[in-house]
Amino acid sequence: MEFLYERIDHIQLAAPVGSESEARGFYRDILGFKEMEKPDTLKKNGGVWFQEGKVAIHIGIEDPFIPAKKAHPAICVKHIEKMQAHLAAKGIEFEIDWKLPGASRFYMHDPFGNRIEFLEWI
């Protein structure tokens, strides 16, 4: 092939109409992402964008809304145990999974039911 894949620029997860404040409460206030300014040409679509380090998550508005229950982003983190302790202290439920050799990982759902995986290669 004469082209190369470089990286994923962002992932987009769906949320219901009017859920931007709830998205901020979860992605910004609990997970610690920073909110990014959307271009003026895209603001009319609703939704909200977040980024921390090289990880960018766009929350897009869908009507009708259906959460991604199986399909999911997998986000690599450092100090996964500290992240789990942080989430537990905030009352956020998650499910630890040891089925992937060489990885410590867990799954959780955002407030809209979208599945998210966090993992640390060990």
N, C-alpha and C. Protein backbone atom coordinates (compact mmCIF):
# COMPACT_ATOMS: atom_id res chain seq x y z
N MET A 1 0.84 -1.18 0.00
CA MET A 1 0.00 0.00 0.00
C MET A 1 0.89 1.24 0.00
N GLU A 2 0.37 2.29 -0.55
CA GLU A 2 1.13 3.51 -0.65
C GLU A 2 0.73 4.55 0.39
N PHE A 3 0.00 4.13 1.40
CA PHE A 3 -0.38 5.04 2.48
C PHE A 3 -0.10 4.35 3.80
N LEU A 4 -0.03 5.16 4.87
CA LEU A 4 0.24 4.64 6.21
C LEU A 4 -0.79 5.19 7.18
N TYR A 5 -1.21 4.36 8.10
CA TYR A 5 -2.05 4.84 9.19
C TYR A 5 -1.13 5.47 10.22
N GLU A 6 -1.49 6.66 10.71
CA GLU A 6 -0.66 7.34 11.70
C GLU A 6 -1.16 7.13 13.12
N ARG A 7 -2.42 7.44 13.35
CA ARG A 7 -3.00 7.31 14.69
C ARG A 7 -4.49 7.59 14.58
N ILE A 8 -5.21 7.29 15.61
CA ILE A 8 -6.62 7.70 15.67
C ILE A 8 -6.64 9.14 16.17
N ASP A 9 -7.31 9.99 15.44
CA ASP A 9 -7.40 11.40 15.82
C ASP A 9 -8.33 11.59 17.02
N HIS A 10 -9.48 10.95 16.99
CA HIS A 10 -10.43 11.03 18.09
C HIS A 10 -11.42 9.87 17.96
N ILE A 11 -12.14 9.64 19.01
CA ILE A 11 -13.26 8.72 18.96
C ILE A 11 -14.52 9.53 19.22
N GLN A 12 -15.62 9.08 18.67
CA GLN A 12 -16.88 9.74 18.95
C GLN A 12 -17.84 8.74 19.55
N LEU A 13 -18.44 9.16 20.65
CA LEU A 13 -19.49 8.38 21.30
C LEU A 13 -20.77 9.19 21.22
N ALA A 14 -21.88 8.50 21.17
CA ALA A 14 -23.17 9.17 21.04
C ALA A 14 -23.80 9.43 22.41
N ALA A 15 -24.65 10.43 22.42
CA ALA A 15 -25.41 10.79 23.62
C ALA A 15 -26.76 11.35 23.18
N PRO A 16 -27.75 11.32 24.07
CA PRO A 16 -29.06 11.84 23.69
C PRO A 16 -29.10 13.37 23.64
N VAL A 17 -30.10 13.89 22.98
CA VAL A 17 -30.31 15.33 22.87
C VAL A 17 -30.32 15.95 24.26
N GLY A 18 -29.63 17.08 24.39
CA GLY A 18 -29.65 17.84 25.65
C GLY A 18 -28.76 17.30 26.74
N SER A 19 -27.83 16.42 26.43
CA SER A 19 -27.03 15.77 27.47
C SER A 19 -25.62 16.34 27.64
N GLU A 20 -25.35 17.51 27.06
CA GLU A 20 -24.02 18.09 27.14
C GLU A 20 -23.56 18.33 28.58
N SER A 21 -24.44 18.83 29.44
CA SER A 21 -24.06 19.09 30.84
C SER A 21 -23.69 17.80 31.55
N GLU A 22 -24.45 16.75 31.30
CA GLU A 22 -24.16 15.46 31.91
C GLU A 22 -22.83 14.91 31.39
N ALA A 23 -22.56 15.12 30.11
CA ALA A 23 -21.27 14.69 29.54
C ALA A 23 -20.13 15.43 30.21
N ARG A 24 -20.27 16.73 30.43
CA ARG A 24 -19.24 17.50 31.13
C ARG A 24 -19.03 16.98 32.55
N GLY A 25 -20.12 16.67 33.23
CA GLY A 25 -20.03 16.16 34.59
C GLY A 25 -19.27 14.86 34.67
N PHE A 26 -19.36 14.05 33.65
CA PHE A 26 -18.68 12.75 33.65
C PHE A 26 -17.26 12.84 33.07
N TYR A 27 -17.16 13.28 31.82
CA TYR A 27 -15.85 13.26 31.15
C TYR A 27 -14.89 14.31 31.70
N ARG A 28 -15.39 15.48 32.05
CA ARG A 28 -14.53 16.53 32.59
C ARG A 28 -14.34 16.38 34.09
N ASP A 29 -15.46 16.32 34.82
CA ASP A 29 -15.39 16.39 36.27
C ASP A 29 -14.97 15.08 36.93
N ILE A 30 -15.32 13.95 36.35
CA ILE A 30 -14.95 12.67 36.95
C ILE A 30 -13.71 12.08 36.30
N LEU A 31 -13.69 12.00 34.96
CA LEU A 31 -12.54 11.39 34.29
C LEU A 31 -11.37 12.34 34.11
N GLY A 32 -11.58 13.64 34.24
CA GLY A 32 -10.48 14.60 34.19
C GLY A 32 -10.07 15.09 32.82
N PHE A 33 -10.91 14.89 31.81
CA PHE A 33 -10.61 15.42 30.48
C PHE A 33 -10.88 16.92 30.48
N LYS A 34 -10.19 17.63 29.61
CA LYS A 34 -10.43 19.05 29.42
C LYS A 34 -11.41 19.24 28.26
N GLU A 35 -12.32 20.19 28.42
CA GLU A 35 -13.25 20.47 27.33
C GLU A 35 -12.53 21.28 26.26
N MET A 36 -12.75 20.90 25.00
CA MET A 36 -12.14 21.57 23.87
C MET A 36 -13.21 22.39 23.15
N GLU A 37 -12.83 23.53 22.65
CA GLU A 37 -13.74 24.38 21.91
C GLU A 37 -14.05 23.74 20.55
N LYS A 38 -15.31 23.61 20.24
CA LYS A 38 -15.70 23.10 18.93
C LYS A 38 -15.64 24.23 17.90
N PRO A 39 -15.31 23.92 16.67
CA PRO A 39 -15.35 24.95 15.63
C PRO A 39 -16.77 25.51 15.50
N ASP A 40 -16.87 26.80 15.19
CA ASP A 40 -18.17 27.45 15.05
C ASP A 40 -19.09 26.71 14.08
N THR A 41 -18.51 26.17 13.02
CA THR A 41 -19.32 25.48 12.01
C THR A 41 -19.94 24.18 12.53
N LEU A 42 -19.44 23.65 13.65
CA LEU A 42 -19.97 22.40 14.19
C LEU A 42 -20.79 22.58 15.47
N LYS A 43 -20.75 23.76 16.06
CA LYS A 43 -21.47 24.00 17.32
C LYS A 43 -22.97 23.76 17.19
N LYS A 44 -23.53 24.06 16.02
CA LYS A 44 -24.98 23.91 15.84
C LYS A 44 -25.43 22.46 15.95
N ASN A 45 -24.50 21.51 15.82
CA ASN A 45 -24.84 20.09 15.91
C ASN A 45 -25.00 19.61 17.35
N GLY A 46 -24.64 20.44 18.31
CA GLY A 46 -24.67 20.03 19.70
C GLY A 46 -23.47 19.15 20.01
N GLY A 47 -23.48 18.57 21.20
CA GLY A 47 -22.37 17.72 21.61
C GLY A 47 -21.27 18.53 22.25
N VAL A 48 -20.24 17.83 22.67
CA VAL A 48 -19.11 18.46 23.37
C VAL A 48 -17.87 17.62 23.14
N TRP A 49 -16.72 18.28 23.05
CA TRP A 49 -15.45 17.60 22.79
C TRP A 49 -14.56 17.68 24.02
N PHE A 50 -13.80 16.60 24.24
CA PHE A 50 -12.87 16.53 25.38
C PHE A 50 -11.53 16.00 24.91
N GLN A 51 -10.48 16.38 25.64
CA GLN A 51 -9.16 15.84 25.35
C GLN A 51 -8.30 15.87 26.60
N GLU A 52 -7.46 14.86 26.73
CA GLU A 52 -6.42 14.82 27.76
C GLU A 52 -5.25 14.08 27.15
N GLY A 53 -4.11 14.74 27.10
CA GLY A 53 -2.95 14.14 26.44
C GLY A 53 -3.28 13.87 24.99
N LYS A 54 -3.02 12.65 24.55
CA LYS A 54 -3.27 12.27 23.15
C LYS A 54 -4.64 11.63 22.95
N VAL A 55 -5.47 11.62 23.98
CA VAL A 55 -6.78 10.98 23.90
C VAL A 55 -7.86 12.06 23.72
N ALA A 56 -8.56 11.98 22.60
CA ALA A 56 -9.65 12.92 22.31
C ALA A 56 -10.96 12.15 22.16
N ILE A 57 -11.97 12.61 22.88
CA ILE A 57 -13.30 11.99 22.84
C ILE A 57 -14.30 13.07 22.46
N HIS A 58 -15.06 12.80 21.42
CA HIS A 58 -16.13 13.70 21.00
C HIS A 58 -17.45 13.05 21.37
N ILE A 59 -18.29 13.79 22.05
CA ILE A 59 -19.63 13.32 22.37
C ILE A 59 -20.57 13.97 21.35
N GLY A 60 -21.13 13.13 20.50
CA GLY A 60 -22.04 13.61 19.46
C GLY A 60 -23.48 13.32 19.83
N ILE A 61 -24.36 14.19 19.44
CA ILE A 61 -25.78 14.04 19.76
C ILE A 61 -26.46 13.22 18.67
N GLU A 62 -27.22 12.22 19.10
CA GLU A 62 -27.98 11.37 18.18
C GLU A 62 -29.44 11.34 18.60
N ASP A 63 -30.30 11.40 17.63
CA ASP A 63 -31.74 11.30 17.89
C ASP A 63 -32.37 10.51 16.74
N PRO A 64 -32.80 9.29 16.98
CA PRO A 64 -32.86 8.62 18.28
C PRO A 64 -31.48 8.15 18.72
N PHE A 65 -31.32 8.06 20.02
CA PHE A 65 -30.05 7.67 20.62
C PHE A 65 -30.06 6.18 20.98
N ILE A 66 -28.97 5.51 20.64
CA ILE A 66 -28.76 4.11 21.03
C ILE A 66 -27.32 4.00 21.52
N PRO A 67 -27.10 3.60 22.79
CA PRO A 67 -25.73 3.51 23.29
C PRO A 67 -24.96 2.35 22.67
N ALA A 68 -23.63 2.50 22.63
CA ALA A 68 -22.75 1.43 22.16
C ALA A 68 -22.47 0.50 23.34
N LYS A 69 -23.12 -0.66 23.34
CA LYS A 69 -23.00 -1.56 24.48
C LYS A 69 -21.86 -2.57 24.33
N LYS A 70 -21.49 -2.91 23.11
CA LYS A 70 -20.40 -3.85 22.86
C LYS A 70 -19.21 -3.13 22.22
N ALA A 71 -19.46 -2.39 21.14
CA ALA A 71 -18.40 -1.59 20.52
C ALA A 71 -17.92 -0.57 21.55
N HIS A 72 -16.62 -0.31 21.57
CA HIS A 72 -16.10 0.58 22.60
C HIS A 72 -14.70 1.06 22.26
N PRO A 73 -14.32 2.23 22.80
CA PRO A 73 -12.92 2.63 22.74
C PRO A 73 -12.16 1.93 23.86
N ALA A 74 -10.88 1.70 23.64
CA ALA A 74 -9.99 1.16 24.68
C ALA A 74 -8.89 2.20 24.88
N ILE A 75 -8.80 2.73 26.08
CA ILE A 75 -7.88 3.82 26.37
C ILE A 75 -6.78 3.32 27.31
N CYS A 76 -5.54 3.45 26.86
CA CYS A 76 -4.39 3.07 27.69
C CYS A 76 -4.16 4.14 28.75
N VAL A 77 -3.93 3.69 29.98
CA VAL A 77 -3.66 4.60 31.09
C VAL A 77 -2.41 4.13 31.84
N LYS A 78 -1.83 5.03 32.60
CA LYS A 78 -0.76 4.69 33.54
C LYS A 78 -1.36 4.74 34.94
N HIS A 79 -0.94 3.84 35.80
CA HIS A 79 -1.42 3.77 37.19
C HIS A 79 -2.91 3.44 37.25
N ILE A 80 -3.27 2.35 36.61
CA ILE A 80 -4.68 1.97 36.50
C ILE A 80 -5.33 1.73 37.86
N GLU A 81 -4.55 1.23 38.82
CA GLU A 81 -5.11 1.00 40.16
C GLU A 81 -5.54 2.33 40.80
N LYS A 82 -4.76 3.37 40.58
CA LYS A 82 -5.12 4.68 41.12
C LYS A 82 -6.38 5.21 40.44
N MET A 83 -6.52 4.94 39.16
CA MET A 83 -7.73 5.35 38.47
C MET A 83 -8.94 4.61 39.03
N GLN A 84 -8.79 3.32 39.27
CA GLN A 84 -9.88 2.54 39.84
C GLN A 84 -10.27 3.07 41.22
N ALA A 85 -9.27 3.42 42.04
CA ALA A 85 -9.56 3.96 43.37
C ALA A 85 -10.29 5.30 43.25
N HIS A 86 -9.88 6.13 42.30
CA HIS A 86 -10.53 7.42 42.06
C HIS A 86 -11.99 7.22 41.67
N LEU A 87 -12.24 6.30 40.75
CA LEU A 87 -13.61 6.04 40.31
C LEU A 87 -14.47 5.47 41.44
N ALA A 88 -13.90 4.55 42.20
CA ALA A 88 -14.64 3.96 43.33
C ALA A 88 -15.01 5.04 44.35
N ALA A 89 -14.09 5.97 44.62
CA ALA A 89 -14.37 7.06 45.55
C ALA A 89 -15.48 7.97 45.04
N LYS A 90 -15.63 8.06 43.74
CA LYS A 90 -16.70 8.88 43.13
C LYS A 90 -18.00 8.09 42.96
N GLY A 91 -17.99 6.81 43.35
CA GLY A 91 -19.19 5.99 43.23
C GLY A 91 -19.45 5.47 41.83
N ILE A 92 -18.42 5.45 41.00
CA ILE A 92 -18.56 4.97 39.63
C ILE A 92 -18.31 3.48 39.58
N GLU A 93 -19.24 2.73 39.02
CA GLU A 93 -19.10 1.28 38.92
C GLU A 93 -18.26 0.90 37.71
N PHE A 94 -17.45 -0.14 37.86
CA PHE A 94 -16.66 -0.67 36.76
C PHE A 94 -16.44 -2.16 36.99
N GLU A 95 -16.07 -2.85 35.93
CA GLU A 95 -15.89 -4.30 35.99
C GLU A 95 -14.46 -4.63 35.58
N ILE A 96 -13.69 -5.19 36.50
CA ILE A 96 -12.32 -5.61 36.22
C ILE A 96 -12.34 -6.88 35.39
N ASP A 97 -11.45 -6.94 34.42
CA ASP A 97 -11.38 -8.10 33.53
C ASP A 97 -9.92 -8.49 33.32
N TRP A 98 -9.58 -9.73 33.60
CA TRP A 98 -8.21 -10.23 33.48
C TRP A 98 -8.06 -11.20 32.31
N LYS A 99 -8.96 -11.16 31.34
CA LYS A 99 -8.95 -12.13 30.24
C LYS A 99 -7.91 -11.83 29.17
N LEU A 100 -7.37 -10.62 29.13
CA LEU A 100 -6.38 -10.25 28.12
C LEU A 100 -4.99 -10.43 28.72
N PRO A 101 -4.23 -11.42 28.25
CA PRO A 101 -2.89 -11.66 28.81
C PRO A 101 -2.00 -10.42 28.70
N GLY A 102 -1.33 -10.11 29.80
CA GLY A 102 -0.40 -9.00 29.81
C GLY A 102 -1.03 -7.64 30.04
N ALA A 103 -2.30 -7.61 30.37
CA ALA A 103 -2.98 -6.32 30.57
C ALA A 103 -3.83 -6.35 31.83
N SER A 104 -3.80 -5.25 32.53
CA SER A 104 -4.74 -4.99 33.61
C SER A 104 -5.79 -4.07 32.99
N ARG A 105 -7.05 -4.46 33.06
CA ARG A 105 -8.07 -3.64 32.40
C ARG A 105 -9.40 -3.71 33.12
N PHE A 106 -10.23 -2.72 32.80
CA PHE A 106 -11.59 -2.73 33.30
C PHE A 106 -12.50 -2.04 32.30
N TYR A 107 -13.77 -2.34 32.45
CA TYR A 107 -14.82 -1.75 31.62
C TYR A 107 -15.75 -0.93 32.51
N MET A 108 -16.29 0.10 31.92
CA MET A 108 -17.31 0.89 32.60
C MET A 108 -18.23 1.46 31.53
N HIS A 109 -19.29 2.10 31.97
CA HIS A 109 -20.22 2.75 31.04
C HIS A 109 -20.33 4.22 31.40
N ASP A 110 -20.40 5.05 30.38
CA ASP A 110 -20.62 6.47 30.63
C ASP A 110 -22.09 6.66 31.04
N PRO A 111 -22.49 7.86 31.40
CA PRO A 111 -23.88 8.07 31.85
C PRO A 111 -24.93 7.73 30.81
N PHE A 112 -24.51 7.56 29.56
CA PHE A 112 -25.46 7.30 28.48
C PHE A 112 -25.50 5.82 28.09
N GLY A 113 -24.68 4.99 28.76
CA GLY A 113 -24.67 3.56 28.49
C GLY A 113 -23.61 3.11 27.51
N ASN A 114 -22.75 4.02 27.04
CA ASN A 114 -21.67 3.64 26.14
C ASN A 114 -20.57 2.92 26.92
N ARG A 115 -20.11 1.80 26.40
CA ARG A 115 -19.05 1.01 27.04
C ARG A 115 -17.69 1.64 26.75
N ILE A 116 -16.83 1.70 27.78
CA ILE A 116 -15.48 2.22 27.64
C ILE A 116 -14.53 1.25 28.35
N GLU A 117 -13.42 0.94 27.70
CA GLU A 117 -12.39 0.09 28.31
C GLU A 117 -11.18 0.95 28.65
N PHE A 118 -10.61 0.71 29.81
CA PHE A 118 -9.34 1.32 30.21
C PHE A 118 -8.39 0.18 30.49
N LEU A 119 -7.14 0.29 30.00
CA LEU A 119 -6.18 -0.78 30.23
C LEU A 119 -4.78 -0.23 30.40
N GLU A 120 -4.00 -1.04 31.10
CA GLU A 120 -2.57 -0.76 31.29
C GLU A 120 -1.82 -2.04 30.99
N TRP A 121 -0.89 -1.97 30.05
CA TRP A 121 -0.08 -3.15 29.73
C TRP A 121 0.95 -3.33 30.83
N ILE A 122 1.05 -4.57 31.31
CA ILE A 122 1.96 -4.84 32.43
C ILE A 122 3.07 -5.80 32.01
